[in-house]
Structures are given as structure tokens and as C-alpha cells.
Amino acid sequence: MWPLLIRTLRVYAPYITLPFAALVGVVGYNLENIFSDKYTPYNQSIKESRSDRLSTNESLDSAANVEKLRYKANVLGTNVSPSLEN
């Protein structure tokens, strides 16, 4: 009796599991719609925020008022082992 039952379940497994999976999916979809917040706040695009930032930058107003380009960080001081810090 058991081998016949197991063989029958193996043959008809897709017909049993598909409706069960569809039911779980429908219930989960509806629960997500009930409990989730669908509001997405508006964010400016990157292009718009860049153009606003460049238009408000005072250092770009005149080409004569440019400071010298200097590397301000000490290259030799980065990633120093603790024994060489002193």
C-alpha cells in the first residue's frame, strides 16, 4: 500500500504543489500590500543637484580668483606601521 501511495504522490506532485504555491504567493502579495509603505519621496536628479551646486559655488565666479593647486596631505605619512610613527 505504501509504495503505491508514494508512487502516486510522486506522479501527481506538480498538481498538488502548484495550487499550494499559488495560494501562498497570493496571500503574501496581499499582506505586503497591506503592511508596506508605498510612498517614495522625491529626490532631485544628480544632474539637477550638480547644476545647482555649481551655480552656487562662489569660487567659480571669477577665473582670476583661483588658489594654487597643492597636495596638502603627506604621502609618506599614510599607512605607517605603529613602530615607525615616532
PDB file of N, CA and C in Angstrom:
ATOM      1  N   MET A   1       0.819  -1.195   0.000  1.00  0.00           N
ATOM      2  CA  MET A   1       0.000   0.000   0.000  1.00  0.00           C
ATOM      3  C   MET A   1       0.866   1.262   0.000  1.00  0.00           C
ATOM      4  N   TRP A   2       1.917   1.289   0.844  1.00  0.00           N
ATOM      5  CA  TRP A   2       2.781   2.473   0.908  1.00  0.00           C
ATOM      6  C   TRP A   2       3.496   2.751  -0.411  1.00  0.00           C
ATOM      7  N   PRO A   3       4.070   1.758  -1.065  1.00  0.00           N
ATOM      8  CA  PRO A   3       4.718   2.056  -2.355  1.00  0.00           C
ATOM      9  C   PRO A   3       3.752   2.623  -3.392  1.00  0.00           C
ATOM     10  N   LEU A   4       2.531   2.131  -3.396  1.00  0.00           N
ATOM     11  CA  LEU A   4       1.539   2.655  -4.331  1.00  0.00           C
ATOM     12  C   LEU A   4       1.198   4.106  -4.010  1.00  0.00           C
ATOM     13  N   LEU A   5       1.069   4.443  -2.731  1.00  0.00           N
ATOM     14  CA  LEU A   5       0.767   5.815  -2.316  1.00  0.00           C
ATOM     15  C   LEU A   5       1.924   6.758  -2.640  1.00  0.00           C
ATOM     16  N   ILE A   6       3.142   6.321  -2.387  1.00  0.00           N
ATOM     17  CA  ILE A   6       4.308   7.165  -2.652  1.00  0.00           C
ATOM     18  C   ILE A   6       4.476   7.379  -4.153  1.00  0.00           C
ATOM     19  N   ARG A   7       4.260   6.338  -4.962  1.00  0.00           N
ATOM     20  CA  ARG A   7       4.361   6.469  -6.409  1.00  0.00           C
ATOM     21  C   ARG A   7       3.295   7.435  -6.938  1.00  0.00           C
ATOM     22  N   THR A   8       2.099   7.358  -6.394  1.00  0.00           N
ATOM     23  CA  THR A   8       1.018   8.254  -6.811  1.00  0.00           C
ATOM     24  C   THR A   8       1.340   9.699  -6.441  1.00  0.00           C
ATOM     25  N   LEU A   9       1.860   9.908  -5.235  1.00  0.00           N
ATOM     26  CA  LEU A   9       2.222  11.268  -4.829  1.00  0.00           C
ATOM     27  C   LEU A   9       3.362  11.828  -5.671  1.00  0.00           C
ATOM     28  N   ARG A  10       4.315  10.964  -6.049  1.00  0.00           N
ATOM     29  CA  ARG A  10       5.434  11.420  -6.863  1.00  0.00           C
ATOM     30  C   ARG A  10       4.948  11.826  -8.261  1.00  0.00           C
ATOM     31  N   VAL A  11       3.995  11.108  -8.809  1.00  0.00           N
ATOM     32  CA  VAL A  11       3.488  11.408 -10.145  1.00  0.00           C
ATOM     33  C   VAL A  11       2.665  12.687 -10.132  1.00  0.00           C
ATOM     34  N   TYR A  12       1.851  12.848  -9.104  1.00  0.00           N
ATOM     35  CA  TYR A  12       0.939  13.989  -9.058  1.00  0.00           C
ATOM     36  C   TYR A  12       1.457  15.147  -8.198  1.00  0.00           C
ATOM     37  N   ALA A  13       2.726  15.163  -7.887  1.00  0.00           N
ATOM     38  CA  ALA A  13       3.282  16.221  -7.041  1.00  0.00           C
ATOM     39  C   ALA A  13       3.129  17.619  -7.649  1.00  0.00           C
ATOM     40  N   PRO A  14       3.366  17.820  -8.961  1.00  0.00           N
ATOM     41  CA  PRO A  14       3.170  19.173  -9.505  1.00  0.00           C
ATOM     42  C   PRO A  14       1.729  19.659  -9.392  1.00  0.00           C
ATOM     43  N   TYR A  15       0.785  18.763  -9.520  1.00  0.00           N
ATOM     44  CA  TYR A  15      -0.617  19.155  -9.432  1.00  0.00           C
ATOM     45  C   TYR A  15      -1.023  19.504  -8.001  1.00  0.00           C
ATOM     46  N   ILE A  16      -0.279  18.998  -7.041  1.00  0.00           N
ATOM     47  CA  ILE A  16      -0.564  19.296  -5.631  1.00  0.00           C
ATOM     48  C   ILE A  16       0.167  20.552  -5.193  1.00  0.00           C
ATOM     49  N   THR A  17       1.443  20.695  -5.592  1.00  0.00           N
ATOM     50  CA  THR A  17       2.247  21.808  -5.087  1.00  0.00           C
ATOM     51  C   THR A  17       1.958  23.126  -5.800  1.00  0.00           C
ATOM     52  N   LEU A  18       1.580  23.097  -7.078  1.00  0.00           N
ATOM     53  CA  LEU A  18       1.336  24.346  -7.800  1.00  0.00           C
ATOM     54  C   LEU A  18       0.196  25.168  -7.194  1.00  0.00           C
ATOM     55  N   PRO A  19      -0.968  24.600  -6.897  1.00  0.00           N
ATOM     56  CA  PRO A  19      -2.011  25.418  -6.265  1.00  0.00           C
ATOM     57  C   PRO A  19      -1.614  25.905  -4.874  1.00  0.00           C
ATOM     58  N   PHE A  20      -0.877  25.085  -4.138  1.00  0.00           N
ATOM     59  CA  PHE A  20      -0.424  25.499  -2.812  1.00  0.00           C
ATOM     60  C   PHE A  20       0.541  26.674  -2.921  1.00  0.00           C
ATOM     61  N   ALA A  21       1.486  26.613  -3.867  1.00  0.00           N
ATOM     62  CA  ALA A  21       2.439  27.709  -4.055  1.00  0.00           C
ATOM     63  C   ALA A  21       1.727  28.972  -4.533  1.00  0.00           C
ATOM     64  N   ALA A  22       0.732  28.828  -5.393  1.00  0.00           N
ATOM     65  CA  ALA A  22      -0.031  29.984  -5.864  1.00  0.00           C
ATOM     66  C   ALA A  22      -0.804  30.620  -4.711  1.00  0.00           C
ATOM     67  N   LEU A  23      -1.371  29.820  -3.835  1.00  0.00           N
ATOM     68  CA  LEU A  23      -2.098  30.339  -2.678  1.00  0.00           C
ATOM     69  C   LEU A  23      -1.166  31.094  -1.746  1.00  0.00           C
ATOM     70  N   VAL A  24       0.010  30.530  -1.467  1.00  0.00           N
ATOM     71  CA  VAL A  24       0.982  31.209  -0.611  1.00  0.00           C
ATOM     72  C   VAL A  24       1.422  32.520  -1.251  1.00  0.00           C
ATOM     73  N   GLY A  25       1.628  32.544  -2.561  1.00  0.00           N
ATOM     74  CA  GLY A  25       2.024  33.763  -3.258  1.00  0.00           C
ATOM     75  C   GLY A  25       0.966  34.833  -3.209  1.00  0.00           C
ATOM     76  N   VAL A  26      -0.285  34.482  -3.396  1.00  0.00           N
ATOM     77  CA  VAL A  26      -1.372  35.460  -3.364  1.00  0.00           C
ATOM     78  C   VAL A  26      -1.532  36.037  -1.963  1.00  0.00           C
ATOM     79  N   VAL A  27      -1.464  35.192  -0.951  1.00  0.00           N
ATOM     80  CA  VAL A  27      -1.579  35.665   0.429  1.00  0.00           C
ATOM     81  C   VAL A  27      -0.414  36.586   0.775  1.00  0.00           C
ATOM     82  N   GLY A  28       0.809  36.212   0.390  1.00  0.00           N
ATOM     83  CA  GLY A  28       1.974  37.040   0.664  1.00  0.00           C
ATOM     84  C   GLY A  28       1.915  38.371  -0.057  1.00  0.00           C
ATOM     85  N   TYR A  29       1.457  38.374  -1.296  1.00  0.00           N
ATOM     86  CA  TYR A  29       1.335  39.608  -2.076  1.00  0.00           C
ATOM     87  C   TYR A  29       0.334  40.558  -1.416  1.00  0.00           C
ATOM     88  N   ASN A  30      -0.793  40.032  -0.980  1.00  0.00           N
ATOM     89  CA  ASN A  30      -1.803  40.883  -0.355  1.00  0.00           C
ATOM     90  C   ASN A  30      -1.345  41.388   1.014  1.00  0.00           C
ATOM     91  N   LEU A  31      -0.644  40.557   1.784  1.00  0.00           N
ATOM     92  CA  LEU A  31      -0.122  41.022   3.073  1.00  0.00           C
ATOM     93  C   LEU A  31       0.926  42.117   2.874  1.00  0.00           C
ATOM     94  N   GLU A  32       1.748  41.987   1.850  1.00  0.00           N
ATOM     95  CA  GLU A  32       2.740  43.015   1.573  1.00  0.00           C
ATOM     96  C   GLU A  32       2.064  44.329   1.175  1.00  0.00           C
ATOM     97  N   ASN A  33       0.989  44.254   0.416  1.00  0.00           N
ATOM     98  CA  ASN A  33       0.261  45.470   0.051  1.00  0.00           C
ATOM     99  C   ASN A  33      -0.368  46.137   1.269  1.00  0.00           C
ATOM    100  N   ILE A  34      -0.803  45.346   2.220  1.00  0.00           N
ATOM    101  CA  ILE A  34      -1.444  45.907   3.413  1.00  0.00           C
ATOM    102  C   ILE A  34      -0.418  46.559   4.328  1.00  0.00           C
ATOM    103  N   PHE A  35       0.709  45.901   4.568  1.00  0.00           N
ATOM    104  CA  PHE A  35       1.657  46.358   5.576  1.00  0.00           C
ATOM    105  C   PHE A  35       2.772  47.260   5.060  1.00  0.00           C
ATOM    106  N   SER A  36       2.996  47.324   3.765  1.00  0.00           N
ATOM    107  CA  SER A  36       4.138  48.103   3.275  1.00  0.00           C
ATOM    108  C   SER A  36       3.737  49.548   3.014  1.00  0.00           C
ATOM    109  N   ASP A  37       4.742  50.410   3.077  1.00  0.00           N
ATOM    110  CA  ASP A  37       4.558  51.828   2.791  1.00  0.00           C
ATOM    111  C   ASP A  37       5.003  52.073   1.361  1.00  0.00           C
ATOM    112  N   LYS A  38       4.087  52.501   0.517  1.00  0.00           N
ATOM    113  CA  LYS A  38       4.401  52.659  -0.896  1.00  0.00           C
ATOM    114  C   LYS A  38       4.830  54.078  -1.245  1.00  0.00           C
ATOM    115  N   TYR A  39       5.016  54.932  -0.265  1.00  0.00           N
ATOM    116  CA  TYR A  39       5.391  56.312  -0.530  1.00  0.00           C
ATOM    117  C   TYR A  39       6.889  56.410  -0.754  1.00  0.00           C
ATOM    118  N   THR A  40       7.291  56.934  -1.897  1.00  0.00           N
ATOM    119  CA  THR A  40       8.694  57.159  -2.208  1.00  0.00           C
ATOM    120  C   THR A  40       8.904  58.662  -2.312  1.00  0.00           C
ATOM    121  N   PRO A  41       9.746  59.237  -1.460  1.00  0.00           N
ATOM    122  CA  PRO A  41       9.935  60.683  -1.504  1.00  0.00           C
ATOM    123  C   PRO A  41      10.663  61.113  -2.772  1.00  0.00           C
ATOM    124  N   TYR A  42      10.401  62.336  -3.185  1.00  0.00           N
ATOM    125  CA  TYR A  42      11.026  62.883  -4.387  1.00  0.00           C
ATOM    126  C   TYR A  42      12.453  63.292  -4.080  1.00  0.00           C
ATOM    127  N   ASN A  43      13.376  62.890  -4.925  1.00  0.00           N
ATOM    128  CA  ASN A  43      14.769  63.306  -4.845  1.00  0.00           C
ATOM    129  C   ASN A  43      15.135  63.970  -6.154  1.00  0.00           C
ATOM    130  N   GLN A  44      15.922  65.031  -6.040  1.00  0.00           N
ATOM    131  CA  GLN A  44      16.393  65.695  -7.236  1.00  0.00           C
ATOM    132  C   GLN A  44      17.311  64.767  -8.007  1.00  0.00           C
ATOM    133  N   SER A  45      17.329  64.905  -9.327  1.00  0.00           N
ATOM    134  CA  SER A  45      18.243  64.086 -10.109  1.00  0.00           C
ATOM    135  C   SER A  45      19.677  64.559  -9.866  1.00  0.00           C
ATOM    136  N   ILE A  46      20.619  63.710 -10.177  1.00  0.00           N
ATOM    137  CA  ILE A  46      22.027  64.030  -9.955  1.00  0.00           C
ATOM    138  C   ILE A  46      22.438  65.204 -10.824  1.00  0.00           C
ATOM    139  N   LYS A  47      21.918  65.247 -12.025  1.00  0.00           N
ATOM    140  CA  LYS A  47      22.258  66.342 -12.938  1.00  0.00           C
ATOM    141  C   LYS A  47      21.743  67.682 -12.397  1.00  0.00           C
ATOM    142  N   GLU A  48      20.526  67.700 -11.872  1.00  0.00           N
ATOM    143  CA  GLU A  48      19.971  68.936 -11.315  1.00  0.00           C
ATOM    144  C   GLU A  48      20.729  69.370 -10.062  1.00  0.00           C
ATOM    145  N   SER A  49      21.048  68.429  -9.178  1.00  0.00           N
ATOM    146  CA  SER A  49      21.766  68.803  -7.955  1.00  0.00           C
ATOM    147  C   SER A  49      23.173  69.290  -8.277  1.00  0.00           C
ATOM    148  N   ARG A  50      23.818  68.731  -9.290  1.00  0.00           N
ATOM    149  CA  ARG A  50      25.159  69.185  -9.685  1.00  0.00           C
ATOM    150  C   ARG A  50      25.090  70.586 -10.262  1.00  0.00           C
ATOM    151  N   SER A  51      24.097  70.858 -11.106  1.00  0.00           N
ATOM    152  CA  SER A  51      23.994  72.196 -11.683  1.00  0.00           C
ATOM    153  C   SER A  51      23.675  73.227 -10.597  1.00  0.00           C
ATOM    154  N   ASP A  52      22.858  72.884  -9.610  1.00  0.00           N
ATOM    155  CA  ASP A  52      22.585  73.809  -8.501  1.00  0.00           C
ATOM    156  C   ASP A  52      23.838  74.056  -7.671  1.00  0.00           C
ATOM    157  N   ARG A  53      24.608  73.001  -7.412  1.00  0.00           N
ATOM    158  CA  ARG A  53      25.818  73.136  -6.622  1.00  0.00           C
ATOM    159  C   ARG A  53      26.858  73.988  -7.350  1.00  0.00           C
ATOM    160  N   LEU A  54      27.000  73.796  -8.655  1.00  0.00           N
ATOM    161  CA  LEU A  54      27.966  74.579  -9.417  1.00  0.00           C
ATOM    162  C   LEU A  54      27.533  76.031  -9.564  1.00  0.00           C
ATOM    163  N   SER A  55      26.239  76.279  -9.624  1.00  0.00           N
ATOM    164  CA  SER A  55      25.769  77.665  -9.753  1.00  0.00           C
ATOM    165  C   SER A  55      25.900  78.440  -8.449  1.00  0.00           C
ATOM    166  N   THR A  56      25.921  77.750  -7.307  1.00  0.00           N
ATOM    167  CA  THR A  56      26.046  78.453  -6.036  1.00  0.00           C
ATOM    168  C   THR A  56      27.478  78.497  -5.519  1.00  0.00           C
ATOM    169  N   ASN A  57      28.432  77.900  -6.232  1.00  0.00           N
ATOM    170  CA  ASN A  57      29.815  77.885  -5.794  1.00  0.00           C
ATOM    171  C   ASN A  57      30.463  79.236  -6.110  1.00  0.00           C
ATOM    172  N   GLU A  58      30.913  79.960  -5.070  1.00  0.00           N
ATOM    173  CA  GLU A  58      31.466  81.300  -5.249  1.00  0.00           C
ATOM    174  C   GLU A  58      32.857  81.269  -5.873  1.00  0.00           C
ATOM    175  N   SER A  59      33.590  80.187  -5.682  1.00  0.00           N
ATOM    176  CA  SER A  59      34.955  80.152  -6.216  1.00  0.00           C
ATOM    177  C   SER A  59      34.971  80.023  -7.729  1.00  0.00           C
ATOM    178  N   LEU A  60      33.866  79.657  -8.346  1.00  0.00           N
ATOM    179  CA  LEU A  60      33.817  79.546  -9.793  1.00  0.00           C
ATOM    180  C   LEU A  60      33.340  80.813 -10.470  1.00  0.00           C
ATOM    181  N   ASP A  61      33.050  81.866  -9.693  1.00  0.00           N
ATOM    182  CA  ASP A  61      32.529  83.095 -10.279  1.00  0.00           C
ATOM    183  C   ASP A  61      33.555  83.807 -11.144  1.00  0.00           C
ATOM    184  N   SER A  62      34.790  83.922 -10.670  1.00  0.00           N
ATOM    185  CA  SER A  62      35.783  84.615 -11.483  1.00  0.00           C
ATOM    186  C   SER A  62      36.962  83.680 -11.732  1.00  0.00           C
ATOM    187  N   ALA A  63      37.509  83.779 -12.939  1.00  0.00           N
ATOM    188  CA  ALA A  63      38.627  82.921 -13.305  1.00  0.00           C
ATOM    189  C   ALA A  63      39.933  83.434 -12.727  1.00  0.00           C
ATOM    190  N   ALA A  64      39.975  84.703 -12.288  1.00  0.00           N
ATOM    191  CA  ALA A  64      41.206  85.280 -11.747  1.00  0.00           C
ATOM    192  C   ALA A  64      41.409  84.894 -10.283  1.00  0.00           C
ATOM    193  N   ASN A  65      40.363  84.507  -9.598  1.00  0.00           N
ATOM    194  CA  ASN A  65      40.441  84.204  -8.175  1.00  0.00           C
ATOM    195  C   ASN A  65      40.537  82.690  -7.971  1.00  0.00           C
ATOM    196  N   VAL A  66      41.700  82.126  -8.325  1.00  0.00           N
ATOM    197  CA  VAL A  66      41.903  80.688  -8.223  1.00  0.00           C
ATOM    198  C   VAL A  66      43.092  80.444  -7.315  1.00  0.00           C
ATOM    199  N   GLU A  67      42.938  79.579  -6.341  1.00  0.00           N
ATOM    200  CA  GLU A  67      44.059  79.274  -5.463  1.00  0.00           C
ATOM    201  C   GLU A  67      44.937  78.207  -6.105  1.00  0.00           C
ATOM    202  N   LYS A  68      46.195  78.175  -5.656  1.00  0.00           N
ATOM    203  CA  LYS A  68      47.155  77.232  -6.224  1.00  0.00           C
ATOM    204  C   LYS A  68      46.746  75.800  -5.888  1.00  0.00           C
ATOM    205  N   LEU A  69      47.017  74.936  -6.822  1.00  0.00           N
ATOM    206  CA  LEU A  69      46.748  73.531  -6.569  1.00  0.00           C
ATOM    207  C   LEU A  69      47.951  72.924  -5.867  1.00  0.00           C
ATOM    208  N   ARG A  70      47.752  72.485  -4.658  1.00  0.00           N
ATOM    209  CA  ARG A  70      48.810  71.852  -3.880  1.00  0.00           C
ATOM    210  C   ARG A  70      48.250  70.593  -3.241  1.00  0.00           C
ATOM    211  N   TYR A  71      49.108  69.611  -3.176  1.00  0.00           N
ATOM    212  CA  TYR A  71      48.720  68.388  -2.490  1.00  0.00           C
ATOM    213  C   TYR A  71      48.972  68.602  -1.013  1.00  0.00           C
ATOM    214  N   LYS A  72      47.922  68.660  -0.225  1.00  0.00           N
ATOM    215  CA  LYS A  72      48.027  69.056   1.173  1.00  0.00           C
ATOM    216  C   LYS A  72      48.318  67.883   2.107  1.00  0.00           C
ATOM    217  N   ALA A  73      48.105  66.679   1.669  1.00  0.00           N
ATOM    218  CA  ALA A  73      48.341  65.525   2.535  1.00  0.00           C
ATOM    219  C   ALA A  73      49.769  65.036   2.357  1.00  0.00           C
ATOM    220  N   ASN A  74      50.315  64.482   3.405  1.00  0.00           N
ATOM    221  CA  ASN A  74      51.665  63.941   3.360  1.00  0.00           C
ATOM    222  C   ASN A  74      51.577  62.489   2.894  1.00  0.00           C
ATOM    223  N   VAL A  75      52.153  62.223   1.747  1.00  0.00           N
ATOM    224  CA  VAL A  75      52.075  60.887   1.178  1.00  0.00           C
ATOM    225  C   VAL A  75      52.845  59.890   2.031  1.00  0.00           C
ATOM    226  N   LEU A  76      53.947  60.332   2.600  1.00  0.00           N
ATOM    227  CA  LEU A  76      54.772  59.420   3.378  1.00  0.00           C
ATOM    228  C   LEU A  76      54.176  59.096   4.740  1.00  0.00           C
ATOM    229  N   GLY A  77      53.165  59.850   5.179  1.00  0.00           N
ATOM    230  CA  GLY A  77      52.569  59.627   6.474  1.00  0.00           C
ATOM    231  C   GLY A  77      51.392  58.688   6.464  1.00  0.00           C
ATOM    232  N   THR A  78      50.975  58.250   5.299  1.00  0.00           N
ATOM    233  CA  THR A  78      49.814  57.364   5.244  1.00  0.00           C
ATOM    234  C   THR A  78      50.251  55.913   5.354  1.00  0.00           C
ATOM    235  N   ASN A  79      49.461  55.131   6.013  1.00  0.00           N
ATOM    236  CA  ASN A  79      49.691  53.685   6.200  1.00  0.00           C
ATOM    237  C   ASN A  79      51.055  53.385   6.795  1.00  0.00           C
ATOM    238  N   VAL A  80      51.381  54.098   7.854  1.00  0.00           N
ATOM    239  CA  VAL A  80      52.665  53.883   8.539  1.00  0.00           C
ATOM    240  C   VAL A  80      52.442  52.866   9.635  1.00  0.00           C
ATOM    241  N   SER A  81      53.390  51.959   9.785  1.00  0.00           N
ATOM    242  CA  SER A  81      53.276  50.968  10.840  1.00  0.00           C
ATOM    243  C   SER A  81      53.471  51.661  12.197  1.00  0.00           C
ATOM    244  N   PRO A  82      52.894  51.110  13.267  1.00  0.00           N
ATOM    245  CA  PRO A  82      52.998  51.757  14.588  1.00  0.00           C
ATOM    246  C   PRO A  82      54.436  51.933  15.074  1.00  0.00           C
ATOM    247  N   SER A  83      55.336  51.073  14.681  1.00  0.00           N
ATOM    248  CA  SER A  83      56.714  51.221  15.149  1.00  0.00           C
ATOM    249  C   SER A  83      57.427  52.390  14.482  1.00  0.00           C
ATOM    250  N   LEU A  84      56.955  52.845  13.308  1.00  0.00           N
ATOM    251  CA  LEU A  84      57.616  53.941  12.611  1.00  0.00           C
ATOM    252  C   LEU A  84      56.945  55.293  12.847  1.00  0.00           C
ATOM    253  N   GLU A  85      55.881  55.363  13.626  1.00  0.00           N
ATOM    254  CA  GLU A  85      55.172  56.626  13.854  1.00  0.00           C
ATOM    255  C   GLU A  85      55.994  57.616  14.655  1.00  0.00           C
ATOM    256  N   ASN A  86      56.922  57.190  15.487  1.00  0.00           N
ATOM    257  CA  ASN A  86      57.687  58.114  16.331  1.00  0.00           C
ATOM    258  C   ASN A  86      58.842  58.722  15.625  1.00  0.00           C
TER     259      ASN A  86
END
